[in-house]
Amino acid sequence: PVEASPTFAMFILPSGLALGLWGRTGVQPAPAAAGGGCEVGFKVATADMVDRLHIEWQGKSAAILLPPTDLDFGRSFVAADPDGHRLRV
């Protein structure tokens, strides 16, 4: 893994796609979906960008599930799209 902690591991695939694996017990906010649930992650360059995008998404009335929070792998926030899919920045 290119990043690893007790609850999280990130791998970069040959295509450049990043695959993050997170132990269910460590996920914030706790997932509501049963098996097969997932979220889409958007990697950004800096923690400041996470905060700026959070403000921008709030301004567009996005449903914020987790405000900007420092986690094992860095700063992150989670929103839900109109269908309830989790979007992590």
N, C-alpha and C. Protein backbone atom coordinates (compact mmCIF):
# COMPACT_ATOMS: atom_id res chain seq x y z
N PRO A 1 0.83 -1.22 0.00
CA PRO A 1 0.00 0.00 0.00
C PRO A 1 0.86 1.27 0.00
N VAL A 2 0.33 2.32 -0.62
CA VAL A 2 1.03 3.61 -0.59
C VAL A 2 0.70 4.37 0.69
N GLU A 3 -0.40 4.02 1.33
CA GLU A 3 -0.77 4.55 2.64
C GLU A 3 -1.30 3.38 3.46
N ALA A 4 -0.97 3.34 4.74
CA ALA A 4 -1.47 2.26 5.58
C ALA A 4 -1.59 2.74 7.02
N SER A 5 -2.64 2.30 7.67
CA SER A 5 -2.86 2.58 9.09
C SER A 5 -3.58 1.36 9.65
N PRO A 6 -3.85 1.33 10.93
CA PRO A 6 -4.56 0.16 11.48
C PRO A 6 -5.94 -0.08 10.87
N THR A 7 -6.59 0.96 10.35
CA THR A 7 -7.95 0.79 9.83
C THR A 7 -8.09 1.05 8.34
N PHE A 8 -6.99 1.41 7.64
CA PHE A 8 -7.12 1.86 6.25
C PHE A 8 -5.87 1.49 5.46
N ALA A 9 -6.05 1.13 4.18
CA ALA A 9 -4.92 0.90 3.26
C ALA A 9 -5.30 1.44 1.88
N MET A 10 -4.36 2.12 1.23
CA MET A 10 -4.57 2.68 -0.10
C MET A 10 -3.57 2.06 -1.06
N PHE A 11 -4.08 1.57 -2.20
CA PHE A 11 -3.24 0.99 -3.23
C PHE A 11 -3.44 1.79 -4.52
N ILE A 12 -2.36 1.98 -5.27
CA ILE A 12 -2.46 2.60 -6.59
C ILE A 12 -2.32 1.49 -7.62
N LEU A 13 -3.35 1.32 -8.44
CA LEU A 13 -3.37 0.27 -9.45
C LEU A 13 -2.56 0.70 -10.67
N PRO A 14 -2.13 -0.24 -11.53
CA PRO A 14 -1.33 0.11 -12.71
C PRO A 14 -2.00 1.17 -13.60
N SER A 15 -3.31 1.23 -13.61
CA SER A 15 -4.02 2.22 -14.43
C SER A 15 -3.95 3.62 -13.81
N GLY A 16 -3.48 3.71 -12.56
CA GLY A 16 -3.46 4.98 -11.85
C GLY A 16 -4.64 5.14 -10.91
N LEU A 17 -5.63 4.27 -11.03
CA LEU A 17 -6.80 4.29 -10.15
C LEU A 17 -6.37 3.95 -8.73
N ALA A 18 -6.89 4.70 -7.76
CA ALA A 18 -6.57 4.43 -6.36
C ALA A 18 -7.69 3.58 -5.76
N LEU A 19 -7.30 2.56 -5.00
CA LEU A 19 -8.24 1.68 -4.31
C LEU A 19 -7.98 1.78 -2.82
N GLY A 20 -8.97 2.30 -2.08
CA GLY A 20 -8.85 2.40 -0.64
C GLY A 20 -9.71 1.35 0.04
N LEU A 21 -9.14 0.68 1.01
CA LEU A 21 -9.87 -0.33 1.78
C LEU A 21 -9.91 0.13 3.23
N TRP A 22 -11.12 0.18 3.78
CA TRP A 22 -11.30 0.71 5.12
C TRP A 22 -12.11 -0.27 5.93
N GLY A 23 -11.62 -0.64 7.10
CA GLY A 23 -12.35 -1.53 7.99
C GLY A 23 -13.68 -0.92 8.39
N ARG A 24 -14.75 -1.66 8.26
CA ARG A 24 -16.09 -1.13 8.51
C ARG A 24 -16.22 -0.46 9.87
N THR A 25 -15.56 -1.01 10.89
CA THR A 25 -15.69 -0.45 12.23
C THR A 25 -15.03 0.91 12.36
N GLY A 26 -14.15 1.29 11.45
CA GLY A 26 -13.48 2.57 11.53
C GLY A 26 -14.09 3.66 10.67
N VAL A 27 -15.08 3.33 9.85
CA VAL A 27 -15.65 4.29 8.90
C VAL A 27 -16.42 5.37 9.64
N GLN A 28 -16.17 6.63 9.23
CA GLN A 28 -16.91 7.77 9.76
C GLN A 28 -17.51 8.54 8.62
N PRO A 29 -18.79 8.85 8.57
CA PRO A 29 -19.81 8.35 9.48
C PRO A 29 -20.07 6.87 9.21
N ALA A 30 -20.63 6.17 10.18
CA ALA A 30 -20.89 4.73 10.04
C ALA A 30 -21.77 4.47 8.82
N PRO A 31 -21.42 3.46 8.01
CA PRO A 31 -22.22 3.16 6.83
C PRO A 31 -23.60 2.61 7.20
N ALA A 32 -24.60 3.03 6.44
CA ALA A 32 -25.96 2.56 6.67
C ALA A 32 -26.31 1.38 5.76
N ALA A 33 -25.60 1.23 4.64
CA ALA A 33 -25.88 0.18 3.68
C ALA A 33 -25.38 -1.16 4.18
N ALA A 34 -26.11 -2.21 3.84
CA ALA A 34 -25.67 -3.57 4.13
C ALA A 34 -24.62 -3.96 3.09
N GLY A 35 -24.22 -5.21 3.04
CA GLY A 35 -23.23 -5.68 2.08
C GLY A 35 -23.47 -5.12 0.69
N GLY A 36 -22.40 -4.74 0.01
CA GLY A 36 -22.50 -4.18 -1.33
C GLY A 36 -22.54 -2.66 -1.33
N GLY A 37 -22.69 -2.03 -0.16
CA GLY A 37 -22.69 -0.58 -0.08
C GLY A 37 -21.30 -0.04 -0.38
N CYS A 38 -21.22 1.14 -0.96
CA CYS A 38 -19.92 1.72 -1.25
C CYS A 38 -20.04 3.23 -1.28
N GLU A 39 -18.90 3.89 -1.43
CA GLU A 39 -18.89 5.33 -1.63
C GLU A 39 -17.87 5.65 -2.69
N VAL A 40 -18.03 6.80 -3.33
CA VAL A 40 -17.08 7.27 -4.34
C VAL A 40 -16.21 8.32 -3.67
N GLY A 41 -14.90 8.19 -3.85
CA GLY A 41 -13.97 9.14 -3.26
C GLY A 41 -13.34 10.02 -4.33
N PHE A 42 -13.16 11.29 -4.00
CA PHE A 42 -12.52 12.26 -4.88
C PHE A 42 -11.26 12.77 -4.18
N LYS A 43 -10.10 12.46 -4.74
CA LYS A 43 -8.84 12.88 -4.13
C LYS A 43 -8.54 14.32 -4.56
N VAL A 44 -8.18 15.15 -3.59
CA VAL A 44 -7.79 16.52 -3.87
C VAL A 44 -6.38 16.74 -3.31
N ALA A 45 -5.75 17.83 -3.75
CA ALA A 45 -4.33 18.04 -3.46
C ALA A 45 -4.02 18.43 -2.02
N THR A 46 -4.92 19.19 -1.38
CA THR A 46 -4.58 19.72 -0.05
C THR A 46 -5.77 19.68 0.89
N ALA A 47 -5.48 19.74 2.18
CA ALA A 47 -6.55 19.81 3.19
C ALA A 47 -7.35 21.09 3.02
N ASP A 48 -6.69 22.19 2.62
CA ASP A 48 -7.42 23.44 2.38
C ASP A 48 -8.47 23.25 1.29
N MET A 49 -8.14 22.46 0.27
CA MET A 49 -9.09 22.23 -0.81
C MET A 49 -10.31 21.44 -0.31
N VAL A 50 -10.08 20.51 0.62
CA VAL A 50 -11.20 19.78 1.24
C VAL A 50 -12.16 20.78 1.88
N ASP A 51 -11.60 21.70 2.64
CA ASP A 51 -12.43 22.70 3.33
C ASP A 51 -13.15 23.61 2.35
N ARG A 52 -12.45 24.05 1.29
CA ARG A 52 -13.08 24.93 0.29
C ARG A 52 -14.21 24.22 -0.44
N LEU A 53 -13.99 22.95 -0.82
CA LEU A 53 -15.04 22.21 -1.51
C LEU A 53 -16.23 21.96 -0.60
N HIS A 54 -15.98 21.71 0.68
CA HIS A 54 -17.07 21.53 1.63
C HIS A 54 -17.97 22.77 1.64
N ILE A 55 -17.36 23.94 1.73
CA ILE A 55 -18.14 25.19 1.72
C ILE A 55 -18.90 25.33 0.40
N GLU A 56 -18.25 25.02 -0.71
CA GLU A 56 -18.89 25.12 -2.03
C GLU A 56 -20.08 24.17 -2.13
N TRP A 57 -19.89 22.91 -1.69
CA TRP A 57 -20.97 21.92 -1.77
C TRP A 57 -22.13 22.30 -0.84
N GLN A 58 -21.81 22.83 0.35
CA GLN A 58 -22.87 23.29 1.24
C GLN A 58 -23.68 24.39 0.56
N GLY A 59 -23.00 25.28 -0.15
CA GLY A 59 -23.66 26.37 -0.86
C GLY A 59 -24.59 25.88 -1.95
N LYS A 60 -24.38 24.65 -2.40
CA LYS A 60 -25.24 24.04 -3.42
C LYS A 60 -26.26 23.11 -2.79
N SER A 61 -26.42 23.21 -1.46
CA SER A 61 -27.41 22.43 -0.69
C SER A 61 -27.14 20.93 -0.69
N ALA A 62 -25.86 20.54 -0.80
CA ALA A 62 -25.53 19.12 -0.69
C ALA A 62 -25.82 18.63 0.72
N ALA A 63 -26.27 17.40 0.83
CA ALA A 63 -26.52 16.79 2.14
C ALA A 63 -25.17 16.35 2.71
N ILE A 64 -24.67 17.04 3.71
CA ILE A 64 -23.37 16.73 4.30
C ILE A 64 -23.57 15.70 5.41
N LEU A 65 -22.93 14.55 5.27
CA LEU A 65 -23.03 13.48 6.26
C LEU A 65 -21.92 13.57 7.31
N LEU A 66 -20.77 14.14 6.91
CA LEU A 66 -19.64 14.31 7.82
C LEU A 66 -18.92 15.59 7.41
N PRO A 67 -18.84 16.57 8.31
CA PRO A 67 -18.10 17.79 7.98
C PRO A 67 -16.61 17.49 7.88
N PRO A 68 -15.80 18.42 7.40
CA PRO A 68 -14.36 18.16 7.32
C PRO A 68 -13.80 17.65 8.65
N THR A 69 -13.14 16.50 8.56
CA THR A 69 -12.63 15.80 9.74
C THR A 69 -11.27 15.20 9.40
N ASP A 70 -10.34 15.25 10.34
CA ASP A 70 -9.03 14.63 10.14
C ASP A 70 -9.14 13.16 10.53
N LEU A 71 -8.89 12.26 9.56
CA LEU A 71 -8.98 10.82 9.75
C LEU A 71 -7.61 10.18 9.52
N ASP A 72 -7.52 8.86 9.65
CA ASP A 72 -6.25 8.15 9.50
C ASP A 72 -5.52 8.49 8.20
N PHE A 73 -6.25 8.69 7.12
CA PHE A 73 -5.65 8.90 5.81
C PHE A 73 -5.62 10.35 5.39
N GLY A 74 -6.08 11.26 6.24
CA GLY A 74 -6.05 12.68 5.90
C GLY A 74 -7.39 13.35 6.16
N ARG A 75 -7.50 14.59 5.73
CA ARG A 75 -8.71 15.38 5.94
C ARG A 75 -9.75 14.95 4.92
N SER A 76 -11.02 14.90 5.34
CA SER A 76 -12.07 14.37 4.48
C SER A 76 -13.42 14.92 4.92
N PHE A 77 -14.36 15.00 3.97
CA PHE A 77 -15.77 15.20 4.31
C PHE A 77 -16.59 14.26 3.44
N VAL A 78 -17.82 13.99 3.88
CA VAL A 78 -18.70 13.09 3.15
C VAL A 78 -20.04 13.78 2.91
N ALA A 79 -20.51 13.69 1.68
CA ALA A 79 -21.83 14.20 1.30
C ALA A 79 -22.61 13.06 0.67
N ALA A 80 -23.90 13.27 0.50
CA ALA A 80 -24.74 12.29 -0.20
C ALA A 80 -25.29 12.95 -1.46
N ASP A 81 -25.30 12.20 -2.56
CA ASP A 81 -25.94 12.73 -3.75
C ASP A 81 -27.45 12.61 -3.61
N PRO A 82 -28.24 13.09 -4.57
CA PRO A 82 -29.70 13.04 -4.42
C PRO A 82 -30.28 11.64 -4.24
N ASP A 83 -29.53 10.60 -4.67
CA ASP A 83 -29.99 9.23 -4.50
C ASP A 83 -29.47 8.59 -3.21
N GLY A 84 -28.72 9.36 -2.42
CA GLY A 84 -28.21 8.84 -1.16
C GLY A 84 -26.85 8.18 -1.23
N HIS A 85 -26.19 8.18 -2.42
CA HIS A 85 -24.86 7.60 -2.54
C HIS A 85 -23.85 8.50 -1.84
N ARG A 86 -22.92 7.87 -1.13
CA ARG A 86 -21.91 8.62 -0.38
C ARG A 86 -20.79 9.10 -1.30
N LEU A 87 -20.44 10.37 -1.15
CA LEU A 87 -19.38 11.00 -1.93
C LEU A 87 -18.36 11.56 -0.95
N ARG A 88 -17.15 11.03 -0.97
CA ARG A 88 -16.11 11.47 -0.03
C ARG A 88 -15.06 12.28 -0.77
N VAL A 89 -14.73 13.44 -0.22
CA VAL A 89 -13.68 14.29 -0.75
C VAL A 89 -12.54 14.27 0.25
